[in-house]
Amino acid sequence: MYFWSKLHYMDVSPVILAIPVFFILIGVEVGYGYYQNRKLYRLNDAVANISCGIVEQLTGVFAKVFTVAAYHFVYTKFAVFSLADTWYWILLCFIGVDFCYYWAHRMSHEVNLFWLGHIVHHQSEDYNLSVALRQSVFQKMFTFYFYFPLAILGFKTEWFLLVGAFNLLYQFWIHTEVIDKMPRWFEYVFNTPSHHRVHHGRDPKYIDRNHAGSLMFWDRMFGTFQPEEERPTYGITTPVNSWNPIKANLQPFVALWQEMKQVPGIGNKIRLAFMPPGWYPAELGGFRRPKPVDRETYQKFDIDISPALNFYLFAQYLLVLVGTALFLFNLATFGYSIQLLLAALVVLSVMGLGLMFENKQQAVTMELIRFFLTIALTLYLFFEGLTGWWMPLGMAIWAFGSLGILMRIGFHRVARAK
């Protein structure tokens, strides 16, 4: 119990502590793909996946003030039992978290409104470990109350947070095509890469199947299990076609709003929000089932950019990853306002990089805004002495290095246009 209490005392999520391990394993998977001559990764897609994860982690810093507080309020006010700190209660907590996760996850697929909070995770048309990091900003806001029964039963807030984090960590390794099948007994009890590949498939027979977190028997018990047969086609039935993590999170809301405007009557509009994706009233033709993917003509969304720009974006993204990790590990060092500004800087950075992957003209403007914001924050951190010397120096090098390379690329574009 000391390890658990120590983690709680540090107020550092196991998910954040695992960040270095995530990227080591992603690197191993990339290397294995090259060794096997398999194209498991595309740079633009992987960057978009991780960018969504970065934005989710940064917004989660502020969202957990509400979601965790809500669970703790229910626990302190309505808990029926007082449970001892024993291994068997913690094991039961794990089973309870996984059960609640199953229903939260299933409803996130079967209710249009909840789907808005989960769709981001399914947008990638690739399937690799970077997809595990692709999470929605709004996911927790739609699902946190599914766990309230655990609070009422008396499972402590710190138990819930840590067990929930480990449940999430388990699901990282199942986002891979490198592992085919696990031993038969393991496939029966636990969620595996094979089971979860089905879950990410957009083929009609794979849609809304295998919602398990860690334990597969919930799907077997409630009739949502589907074994993997042919290799799935990954993604969603209406692709987002963007590398911009902000657009990835907001576009589904716009799409649902457009659908609501087409549906007649207030009652039907409300029903649309709470019915499964694809539902329409009878006067509009009723439920629209997704069409099978034509594997011969299907092409993934992709945009070609120059090798120089690819190199710039890759180098920039490594710096963004390091900066984000340092920010998350040293979160308590900063006041709330500085946390907001640094989070905004990172979000602006990944948004600008996504736009550059799409060859959008506004990306250069976005990068210039990021440059000036970086310089302003660097000077503030330095003169206020809020961190060690390394952080302002690193931010300054990043900013001026980015500006130099960006000007070179920008001038090259202007010269080419002439």
Protein backbone atom coordinates (compact mmCIF):
# COMPACT_ATOMS: atom_id res chain seq x y z
CA MET A 1 0.00 0.00 0.00
CA TYR A 2 2.99 2.33 0.44
CA PHE A 3 3.51 2.58 -3.34
CA TRP A 4 -0.10 3.49 -3.91
CA SER A 5 -0.18 6.10 -1.16
CA LYS A 6 3.10 7.54 -2.42
CA LEU A 7 1.69 7.96 -5.92
CA HIS A 8 -1.37 9.66 -4.50
CA TYR A 9 0.80 11.92 -2.40
CA MET A 10 2.84 12.91 -5.47
CA ASP A 11 -0.40 13.76 -7.29
CA VAL A 12 1.18 12.36 -10.46
CA SER A 13 -0.96 10.07 -12.56
CA PRO A 14 0.53 6.69 -13.47
CA VAL A 15 -0.39 7.58 -17.06
CA ILE A 16 1.98 10.57 -16.94
CA LEU A 17 4.67 8.49 -15.26
CA ALA A 18 4.37 5.98 -18.11
CA ILE A 19 4.95 8.57 -20.88
CA PRO A 20 8.63 7.61 -21.41
CA VAL A 21 7.65 3.93 -21.64
CA PHE A 22 4.97 4.76 -24.23
CA PHE A 23 7.48 6.38 -26.54
CA ILE A 24 10.11 3.70 -26.05
CA LEU A 25 7.56 1.06 -27.08
CA ILE A 26 6.40 3.16 -30.03
CA GLY A 27 10.04 3.41 -31.11
CA VAL A 28 10.41 -0.37 -30.82
CA GLU A 29 7.29 -0.89 -32.92
CA VAL A 30 8.55 1.55 -35.58
CA GLY A 31 11.90 -0.28 -35.67
CA TYR A 32 10.19 -3.66 -35.90
CA GLY A 33 8.08 -2.41 -38.80
CA TYR A 34 11.19 -1.33 -40.72
CA TYR A 35 12.87 -4.64 -39.94
CA GLN A 36 9.86 -6.57 -41.26
CA ASN A 37 9.44 -4.17 -44.20
CA ARG A 38 5.94 -3.29 -42.96
CA LYS A 39 4.62 0.26 -43.04
CA LEU A 40 3.06 0.36 -39.60
CA TYR A 41 3.36 4.14 -39.18
CA ARG A 42 2.85 7.30 -41.19
CA LEU A 43 4.47 10.39 -39.66
CA ASN A 44 1.48 12.68 -40.19
CA ASP A 45 -1.00 10.20 -38.74
CA ALA A 46 1.19 9.31 -35.76
CA VAL A 47 1.80 12.99 -34.97
CA ALA A 48 -1.95 13.68 -35.18
CA ASN A 49 -2.66 10.75 -32.83
CA ILE A 50 -0.13 11.88 -30.24
CA SER A 51 -1.24 15.52 -30.62
CA CYS A 52 -4.78 14.51 -29.68
CA GLY A 53 -3.33 12.75 -26.64
CA ILE A 54 -1.33 15.83 -25.68
CA VAL A 55 -4.38 18.09 -25.92
CA GLU A 56 -6.41 15.58 -23.86
CA GLN A 57 -3.76 15.40 -21.13
CA LEU A 58 -3.42 19.19 -20.94
CA THR A 59 -7.16 19.85 -20.81
CA GLY A 60 -7.49 16.94 -18.37
CA VAL A 61 -5.30 18.86 -15.91
CA PHE A 62 -8.14 21.34 -15.58
CA ALA A 63 -11.12 19.03 -16.24
CA LYS A 64 -10.18 16.65 -13.41
CA VAL A 65 -10.90 19.45 -10.95
CA PHE A 66 -14.54 18.84 -11.83
CA THR A 67 -14.69 15.13 -12.64
CA VAL A 68 -12.60 13.93 -9.71
CA ALA A 69 -14.34 16.35 -7.37
CA ALA A 70 -17.70 14.95 -8.49
CA TYR A 71 -16.65 11.37 -7.69
CA HIS A 72 -15.20 12.45 -4.33
CA PHE A 73 -18.38 14.35 -3.48
CA VAL A 74 -20.54 11.28 -4.13
CA TYR A 75 -18.10 9.14 -2.13
CA THR A 76 -18.01 11.43 0.91
CA LYS A 77 -21.77 12.12 0.94
CA PHE A 78 -23.36 8.86 -0.17
CA ALA A 79 -20.94 5.96 0.43
CA VAL A 80 -22.85 3.04 1.98
CA PHE A 81 -19.83 1.04 3.17
CA SER A 82 -16.42 1.84 4.63
CA LEU A 83 -13.93 -0.48 2.93
CA ALA A 84 -10.57 -1.43 4.42
CA ASP A 85 -7.25 -1.01 2.56
CA THR A 86 -6.88 -4.67 1.64
CA TRP A 87 -5.79 -6.35 -1.57
CA TYR A 88 -9.11 -8.13 -2.13
CA TRP A 89 -11.12 -4.89 -1.97
CA ILE A 90 -8.69 -3.32 -4.41
CA LEU A 91 -9.08 -6.34 -6.70
CA LEU A 92 -12.85 -5.94 -6.49
CA CYS A 93 -12.40 -2.24 -7.26
CA PHE A 94 -10.49 -3.22 -10.42
CA ILE A 95 -13.33 -5.50 -11.52
CA GLY A 96 -15.86 -2.76 -10.72
CA VAL A 97 -13.93 -0.12 -12.65
CA ASP A 98 -13.66 -2.45 -15.63
CA PHE A 99 -17.40 -3.20 -15.50
CA CYS A 100 -18.28 0.51 -15.37
CA TYR A 101 -15.78 1.17 -18.16
CA TYR A 102 -17.51 -1.39 -20.36
CA TRP A 103 -20.85 0.38 -20.05
CA ALA A 104 -19.38 3.87 -20.38
CA HIS A 105 -17.51 2.71 -23.48
CA ARG A 106 -20.49 0.89 -24.95
CA MET A 107 -22.79 3.87 -24.47
CA SER A 108 -20.11 6.07 -26.06
CA HIS A 109 -20.69 4.04 -29.23
CA GLU A 110 -24.46 3.60 -29.01
CA VAL A 111 -25.55 7.17 -28.16
CA ASN A 112 -24.89 9.98 -30.63
CA LEU A 113 -24.20 12.57 -27.93
CA PHE A 114 -21.74 10.34 -26.07
CA TRP A 115 -20.09 9.35 -29.36
CA LEU A 116 -18.94 12.98 -29.64
CA GLY A 117 -16.73 12.36 -26.61
CA HIS A 118 -15.18 9.17 -27.99
CA ILE A 119 -15.07 9.44 -31.77
CA VAL A 120 -11.61 11.05 -31.75
CA HIS A 121 -10.06 7.79 -30.57
CA HIS A 122 -11.42 6.01 -33.66
CA GLN A 123 -10.52 8.56 -36.33
CA SER A 124 -7.09 7.16 -37.23
CA GLU A 125 -7.00 4.99 -40.34
CA ASP A 126 -3.85 3.25 -39.05
CA TYR A 127 -3.55 0.87 -36.13
CA ASN A 128 -0.44 1.10 -34.00
CA LEU A 129 0.61 2.08 -30.48
CA SER A 130 0.29 5.79 -31.25
CA VAL A 131 -3.48 5.26 -31.71
CA ALA A 132 -3.70 4.33 -28.01
CA LEU A 133 -2.66 7.90 -27.19
CA ARG A 134 -5.32 9.42 -29.44
CA GLN A 135 -7.91 10.50 -26.88
CA SER A 136 -10.76 13.01 -26.87
CA VAL A 137 -10.82 16.22 -24.86
CA PHE A 138 -14.50 15.62 -24.03
CA GLN A 139 -14.46 11.90 -23.17
CA LYS A 140 -14.44 12.30 -19.38
CA MET A 141 -17.19 14.92 -19.46
CA PHE A 142 -19.59 12.39 -20.99
CA THR A 143 -18.66 9.32 -18.94
CA PHE A 144 -17.45 10.28 -15.45
CA TYR A 145 -20.83 9.62 -13.80
CA PHE A 146 -20.85 5.98 -14.95
CA TYR A 147 -18.43 5.35 -12.08
CA PHE A 148 -20.61 6.85 -9.34
CA PRO A 149 -21.92 3.40 -8.24
CA LEU A 150 -18.36 2.61 -7.12
CA ALA A 151 -18.32 5.74 -4.97
CA ILE A 152 -21.67 4.81 -3.44
CA LEU A 153 -20.36 1.32 -2.63
CA GLY A 154 -17.48 2.93 -0.75
CA PHE A 155 -14.48 2.61 -3.08
CA LYS A 156 -12.18 5.46 -2.12
CA THR A 157 -11.37 8.24 -4.55
CA GLU A 158 -7.65 7.41 -4.63
CA TRP A 159 -8.44 3.75 -5.32
CA PHE A 160 -10.70 4.73 -8.19
CA LEU A 161 -8.12 7.09 -9.71
CA LEU A 162 -5.22 4.66 -9.52
CA VAL A 163 -7.14 1.55 -10.57
CA GLY A 164 -8.73 3.54 -13.42
CA ALA A 165 -5.28 4.71 -14.53
CA PHE A 166 -3.91 1.16 -14.54
CA ASN A 167 -6.98 -0.03 -16.44
CA LEU A 168 -6.19 2.61 -19.05
CA LEU A 169 -2.50 1.66 -19.10
CA TYR A 170 -3.41 -1.96 -19.83
CA GLN A 171 -5.15 -0.87 -23.00
CA PHE A 172 -2.00 0.70 -24.47
CA TRP A 173 -0.39 -2.54 -25.64
CA ILE A 174 -3.48 -3.86 -27.40
CA HIS A 175 -3.25 -1.15 -30.08
CA THR A 176 -0.90 -3.04 -32.37
CA GLU A 177 -0.84 -5.26 -35.44
CA VAL A 178 2.52 -6.72 -34.48
CA ILE A 179 0.92 -9.25 -32.11
CA ASP A 180 -1.40 -11.69 -33.86
CA LYS A 181 -2.99 -13.91 -31.20
CA MET A 182 -2.30 -14.54 -27.55
CA PRO A 183 -2.71 -18.02 -25.97
CA ARG A 184 -6.28 -19.28 -26.17
CA TRP A 185 -7.03 -18.98 -22.45
CA PHE A 186 -5.71 -15.40 -22.45
CA GLU A 187 -7.84 -14.48 -25.46
CA TYR A 188 -10.89 -15.80 -23.63
CA VAL A 189 -10.38 -13.84 -20.39
CA PHE A 190 -8.57 -10.64 -21.37
CA ASN A 191 -8.77 -7.95 -24.02
CA THR A 192 -6.05 -8.49 -26.63
CA PRO A 193 -4.76 -6.83 -29.82
CA SER A 194 -6.90 -9.20 -31.90
CA HIS A 195 -10.08 -8.30 -30.01
CA HIS A 196 -9.34 -4.60 -30.06
CA ARG A 197 -8.48 -4.50 -33.76
CA VAL A 198 -12.08 -5.58 -34.28
CA HIS A 199 -13.25 -2.69 -32.12
CA HIS A 200 -11.40 -0.18 -34.32
CA GLY A 201 -12.76 -1.63 -37.57
CA ARG A 202 -15.25 0.34 -39.67
CA ASP A 203 -16.49 -2.80 -41.45
CA PRO A 204 -20.23 -3.26 -40.68
CA LYS A 205 -19.79 -6.56 -38.78
CA TYR A 206 -17.06 -5.03 -36.59
CA ILE A 207 -18.83 -1.77 -35.67
CA ASP A 208 -19.85 -1.46 -31.99
CA ARG A 209 -18.18 -4.70 -30.93
CA ASN A 210 -15.63 -5.61 -28.24
CA HIS A 211 -16.04 -2.69 -25.82
CA ALA A 212 -13.96 -4.30 -23.06
CA GLY A 213 -11.29 -2.47 -21.16
CA SER A 214 -9.21 -5.26 -19.62
CA LEU A 215 -11.61 -8.20 -19.16
CA MET A 216 -13.22 -9.69 -22.23
CA PHE A 217 -16.02 -11.55 -20.52
CA TRP A 218 -18.24 -8.44 -20.32
CA ASP A 219 -18.63 -8.53 -24.11
CA ARG A 220 -19.23 -12.27 -24.04
CA MET A 221 -21.78 -11.82 -21.25
CA PHE A 222 -23.73 -8.93 -22.84
CA GLY A 223 -23.66 -10.04 -26.48
CA THR A 224 -21.19 -7.57 -28.02
CA PHE A 225 -18.31 -9.97 -28.70
CA GLN A 226 -16.99 -10.45 -32.23
CA PRO A 227 -13.88 -12.49 -33.06
CA GLU A 228 -11.38 -11.14 -35.55
CA GLU A 229 -11.81 -12.73 -38.97
CA GLU A 230 -10.39 -10.77 -41.91
CA ARG A 231 -8.13 -7.77 -41.23
CA PRO A 232 -10.29 -4.74 -40.31
CA THR A 233 -10.41 -1.47 -42.22
CA TYR A 234 -9.67 1.09 -39.53
CA GLY A 235 -11.25 4.46 -38.87
CA ILE A 236 -14.76 5.90 -38.86
CA THR A 237 -17.41 5.74 -41.59
CA THR A 238 -17.08 9.51 -42.24
CA PRO A 239 -13.33 10.24 -42.02
CA VAL A 240 -12.23 13.51 -40.41
CA ASN A 241 -9.55 14.06 -43.13
CA SER A 242 -7.40 16.36 -41.03
CA TRP A 243 -4.18 16.23 -39.00
CA ASN A 244 -5.35 19.14 -36.81
CA PRO A 245 -6.16 17.86 -33.27
CA ILE A 246 -8.50 20.78 -32.56
CA LYS A 247 -10.53 20.10 -35.69
CA ALA A 248 -10.55 16.40 -34.81
CA ASN A 249 -12.25 17.21 -31.49
CA LEU A 250 -14.68 19.87 -32.73
CA GLN A 251 -15.74 18.62 -36.17
CA PRO A 252 -18.02 15.85 -34.76
CA PHE A 253 -20.02 18.49 -32.86
CA VAL A 254 -20.45 20.50 -36.05
CA ALA A 255 -21.53 17.37 -37.94
CA LEU A 256 -24.15 16.44 -35.35
CA TRP A 257 -25.45 20.02 -35.33
CA GLN A 258 -25.82 19.90 -39.13
CA GLU A 259 -27.74 16.63 -38.83
CA MET A 260 -30.02 18.13 -36.20
CA LYS A 261 -30.85 21.04 -38.50
CA GLN A 262 -31.96 18.56 -41.17
CA VAL A 263 -34.23 16.60 -38.82
CA PRO A 264 -37.79 18.02 -38.51
CA GLY A 265 -39.34 18.73 -35.10
CA ILE A 266 -37.90 19.34 -31.64
CA GLY A 267 -38.76 15.81 -30.51
CA ASN A 268 -36.84 14.24 -33.37
CA LYS A 269 -33.85 16.51 -32.74
CA ILE A 270 -33.73 15.38 -29.11
CA ARG A 271 -34.14 11.74 -30.12
CA LEU A 272 -31.30 12.10 -32.61
CA ALA A 273 -28.97 13.18 -29.80
CA PHE A 274 -29.73 10.05 -27.76
CA MET A 275 -30.19 7.47 -30.49
CA PRO A 276 -27.34 5.43 -32.03
CA PRO A 277 -25.22 6.94 -34.82
CA GLY A 278 -27.00 6.39 -38.14
CA TRP A 279 -30.52 6.85 -36.72
CA TYR A 280 -32.95 9.09 -38.60
CA PRO A 281 -36.73 9.45 -38.29
CA ALA A 282 -38.92 7.37 -40.63
CA GLU A 283 -39.75 10.38 -42.83
CA LEU A 284 -36.03 10.69 -43.64
CA GLY A 285 -35.63 7.03 -44.47
CA GLY A 286 -35.03 5.54 -41.01
CA PHE A 287 -31.79 4.00 -39.80
CA ARG A 288 -28.92 4.26 -42.28
CA ARG A 289 -26.56 1.34 -42.01
CA PRO A 290 -22.91 1.89 -42.93
CA LYS A 291 -21.85 0.51 -46.28
CA PRO A 292 -19.09 -2.09 -46.53
CA VAL A 293 -15.67 -0.71 -47.41
CA ASP A 294 -14.55 -1.30 -50.99
CA ARG A 295 -11.07 -2.57 -50.24
CA GLU A 296 -9.96 -2.26 -53.88
CA THR A 297 -10.69 1.48 -54.18
CA TYR A 298 -10.26 2.53 -50.55
CA GLN A 299 -7.44 5.02 -49.90
CA LYS A 300 -6.36 6.54 -46.62
CA PHE A 301 -6.34 10.31 -46.20
CA ASP A 302 -2.86 11.61 -46.96
CA ILE A 303 -1.13 14.82 -48.10
CA ASP A 304 2.34 14.90 -49.65
CA ILE A 305 4.76 17.52 -48.32
CA SER A 306 8.40 18.22 -49.06
CA PRO A 307 11.17 16.26 -47.28
CA ALA A 308 12.49 19.53 -45.82
CA LEU A 309 9.12 20.33 -44.24
CA ASN A 310 8.77 16.74 -43.00
CA PHE A 311 12.15 17.04 -41.29
CA TYR A 312 11.21 20.38 -39.73
CA LEU A 313 7.92 19.01 -38.43
CA PHE A 314 9.54 15.88 -37.01
CA ALA A 315 12.23 17.91 -35.20
CA GLN A 316 9.64 20.38 -33.90
CA TYR A 317 7.45 17.59 -32.67
CA LEU A 318 10.25 16.00 -30.68
CA LEU A 319 10.74 19.35 -28.92
CA VAL A 320 6.99 19.66 -28.29
CA LEU A 321 6.94 16.17 -26.75
CA VAL A 322 9.86 16.93 -24.45
CA GLY A 323 8.35 20.27 -23.45
CA THR A 324 4.94 18.74 -22.76
CA ALA A 325 6.46 15.97 -20.63
CA LEU A 326 8.48 18.49 -18.60
CA PHE A 327 5.37 20.62 -18.12
CA LEU A 328 3.26 17.69 -16.91
CA PHE A 329 5.99 16.37 -14.59
CA ASN A 330 6.55 19.83 -13.07
CA LEU A 331 2.92 20.94 -13.00
CA ALA A 332 2.96 21.86 -9.30
CA THR A 333 5.79 24.34 -9.95
CA PHE A 334 3.46 26.73 -11.76
CA GLY A 335 0.51 28.82 -10.69
CA TYR A 336 -2.87 28.31 -12.33
CA SER A 337 -2.46 31.21 -14.79
CA ILE A 338 0.98 30.00 -15.95
CA GLN A 339 -0.42 26.48 -16.32
CA LEU A 340 -3.09 27.89 -18.65
CA LEU A 341 -0.57 29.86 -20.70
CA LEU A 342 1.87 26.96 -21.06
CA ALA A 343 -0.98 24.61 -21.96
CA ALA A 344 -2.18 27.13 -24.56
CA LEU A 345 1.34 27.30 -26.01
CA VAL A 346 1.51 23.53 -26.42
CA VAL A 347 -2.00 23.34 -27.92
CA LEU A 348 -1.13 26.14 -30.34
CA SER A 349 2.05 24.29 -31.28
CA VAL A 350 0.40 20.96 -32.11
CA MET A 351 -2.40 22.76 -33.95
CA GLY A 352 0.14 24.66 -36.07
CA LEU A 353 2.10 21.50 -36.82
CA GLY A 354 -1.09 19.74 -37.89
CA LEU A 355 -1.90 22.61 -40.27
CA MET A 356 1.61 22.42 -41.73
CA PHE A 357 1.14 18.71 -42.40
CA GLU A 358 -1.92 19.76 -44.41
CA ASN A 359 0.05 22.45 -46.31
CA LYS A 360 -2.35 25.13 -45.02
CA GLN A 361 -1.22 28.74 -45.51
CA GLN A 362 -2.40 29.80 -42.05
CA ALA A 363 0.13 27.41 -40.51
CA VAL A 364 2.97 29.94 -41.01
CA THR A 365 0.92 32.61 -39.23
CA MET A 366 0.22 30.16 -36.43
CA GLU A 367 3.94 29.44 -36.07
CA LEU A 368 4.76 33.15 -35.87
CA ILE A 369 2.17 33.60 -33.11
CA ARG A 370 3.73 30.66 -31.29
CA PHE A 371 7.17 32.24 -31.63
CA PHE A 372 6.14 35.49 -29.94
CA LEU A 373 4.14 33.68 -27.24
CA THR A 374 7.14 31.44 -26.53
CA ILE A 375 9.48 34.43 -26.19
CA ALA A 376 7.04 36.24 -23.88
CA LEU A 377 6.63 33.20 -21.62
CA THR A 378 10.38 32.55 -21.65
CA LEU A 379 11.12 36.07 -20.39
CA TYR A 380 8.39 35.84 -17.76
CA LEU A 381 9.60 32.48 -16.42
CA PHE A 382 13.20 33.68 -16.39
CA PHE A 383 12.62 36.96 -14.55
CA GLU A 384 10.12 35.43 -12.12
CA GLY A 385 12.51 32.55 -11.38
CA LEU A 386 9.67 30.04 -11.56
CA THR A 387 11.83 27.23 -12.91
CA GLY A 388 15.46 26.27 -13.21
CA TRP A 389 17.63 27.97 -15.83
CA TRP A 390 17.17 25.05 -18.23
CA MET A 391 13.53 25.68 -19.08
CA PRO A 392 13.73 29.33 -20.23
CA LEU A 393 16.95 28.56 -22.11
CA GLY A 394 15.37 25.56 -23.81
CA MET A 395 12.26 27.56 -24.77
CA ALA A 396 14.39 30.38 -26.19
CA ILE A 397 16.50 27.97 -28.29
CA TRP A 398 13.30 26.29 -29.49
CA ALA A 399 11.70 29.62 -30.44
CA PHE A 400 14.63 31.11 -32.35
CA GLY A 401 15.54 27.81 -33.98
CA SER A 402 11.95 27.44 -35.15
CA LEU A 403 11.88 30.98 -36.50
CA GLY A 404 15.10 30.48 -38.46
CA ILE A 405 13.96 27.25 -40.10
CA LEU A 406 10.46 28.62 -40.66
CA MET A 407 11.83 31.70 -42.44
CA ARG A 408 13.96 29.45 -44.65
CA ILE A 409 10.95 27.33 -45.58
CA GLY A 410 8.76 30.43 -46.00
CA PHE A 411 11.23 32.17 -48.30
CA HIS A 412 11.60 28.95 -50.29
CA ARG A 413 7.85 28.84 -50.79
CA VAL A 414 7.73 32.48 -51.89
CA ALA A 415 10.61 31.95 -54.32
CA ARG A 416 8.95 28.85 -55.72
CA ALA A 417 5.65 30.70 -56.12
CA LYS A 418 7.34 33.41 -58.15
